[in-house]
Amino acid sequence: MYPVALLNTPIMTTEGLYSLTPFKIHEIGNFLADRGGETISAIGHEGTAQVLTELLGFEVKVNRLILYSFFLYSFAVLYRTTE
């Protein structure tokens, strides 16, 4: 199973087939477990990483990462909605 890349925006910068499905924060654990639990952080700001660490229950590191191998990842795009 491929790792899940943690992103903080749903901007996709290359062609491909994407699906954007909303999750509640408590559902993310199951989403990750179903995909093997391995994550790669592409979260570029310390404050965002700290909040996600608290919400998700595991360390999310700051990592200004450009993901070139899009076909190797599932994505968890983590952003706030108005709900």
Protein backbone atom coordinates (compact mmCIF):
# COMPACT_ATOMS: atom_id res chain seq x y z
CA MET A 1 0.00 0.00 0.00
CA TYR A 2 1.22 3.50 -0.75
CA PRO A 3 1.65 6.19 1.91
CA VAL A 4 -0.94 8.90 2.41
CA ALA A 5 0.38 12.40 1.75
CA LEU A 6 -0.99 14.98 4.18
CA LEU A 7 -1.75 18.24 2.37
CA ASN A 8 -3.40 21.45 3.54
CA THR A 9 -4.91 22.46 0.21
CA PRO A 10 -6.78 20.57 -2.50
CA ILE A 11 -4.77 22.14 -5.34
CA MET A 12 -3.61 19.49 -7.79
CA THR A 13 -0.82 20.66 -10.06
CA THR A 14 -0.64 17.85 -12.58
CA GLU A 15 -3.10 16.02 -14.76
CA GLY A 16 -4.75 12.96 -13.34
CA LEU A 17 -7.94 11.53 -11.95
CA TYR A 18 -8.84 12.95 -8.54
CA SER A 19 -11.70 12.51 -6.14
CA LEU A 20 -12.38 14.96 -3.31
CA THR A 21 -14.43 13.41 -0.51
CA PRO A 22 -15.10 15.23 2.78
CA PHE A 23 -14.28 13.49 6.07
CA LYS A 24 -14.96 14.39 9.66
CA ILE A 25 -11.78 14.66 11.73
CA HIS A 26 -12.66 11.50 13.70
CA GLU A 27 -12.86 9.52 10.42
CA ILE A 28 -9.28 10.28 9.35
CA GLY A 29 -7.84 7.53 11.58
CA ASN A 30 -9.89 4.88 9.77
CA PHE A 31 -8.97 6.36 6.38
CA LEU A 32 -5.28 6.12 7.25
CA ALA A 33 -5.57 2.63 8.78
CA ASP A 34 -7.35 1.33 5.67
CA ARG A 35 -4.32 2.48 3.65
CA GLY A 36 -1.64 1.00 5.89
CA GLY A 37 -1.19 3.96 8.27
CA GLU A 38 1.97 5.37 6.66
CA THR A 39 1.90 9.13 6.08
CA ILE A 40 4.14 11.72 4.46
CA SER A 41 3.64 15.29 5.63
CA ALA A 42 3.54 18.07 3.07
CA ILE A 43 2.42 20.57 5.71
CA GLY A 44 4.58 23.67 5.36
CA HIS A 45 3.68 25.75 8.42
CA GLU A 46 4.51 25.03 12.05
CA GLY A 47 1.14 26.19 13.41
CA THR A 48 -0.77 23.97 11.00
CA ALA A 49 1.42 20.99 11.89
CA GLN A 50 0.82 21.59 15.62
CA VAL A 51 -2.97 21.77 15.21
CA LEU A 52 -3.03 18.63 13.06
CA THR A 53 -0.84 16.80 15.59
CA GLU A 54 -3.40 17.57 18.29
CA LEU A 55 -6.42 16.72 16.15
CA LEU A 56 -5.07 13.53 14.60
CA GLY A 57 -3.30 12.13 17.67
CA PHE A 58 0.08 11.57 16.01
CA GLU A 59 2.97 13.84 15.14
CA VAL A 60 2.61 15.79 11.91
CA LYS A 61 5.96 17.33 11.04
CA VAL A 62 6.56 20.55 9.12
CA ASN A 63 7.75 19.54 5.69
CA ARG A 64 7.80 21.91 2.73
CA LEU A 65 7.66 19.13 0.23
CA ILE A 66 6.94 19.04 -3.48
CA LEU A 67 5.39 15.71 -4.40
CA TYR A 68 6.43 14.71 -7.89
CA SER A 69 5.30 11.08 -7.84
CA PHE A 70 1.56 11.69 -7.56
CA PHE A 71 0.72 8.15 -8.64
CA LEU A 72 2.46 6.78 -5.53
CA TYR A 73 0.21 8.46 -2.99
CA SER A 74 -3.25 8.68 -1.61
CA PHE A 75 -3.96 12.19 -0.37
CA ALA A 76 -5.54 13.49 2.81
CA VAL A 77 -6.26 17.16 2.26
CA LEU A 78 -6.82 18.73 5.66
CA TYR A 79 -8.53 22.09 5.70
CA ARG A 80 -11.23 23.88 7.69
CA THR A 81 -14.75 24.23 6.40
CA THR A 82 -17.49 26.55 7.60
CA GLU A 83 -19.49 23.71 9.17
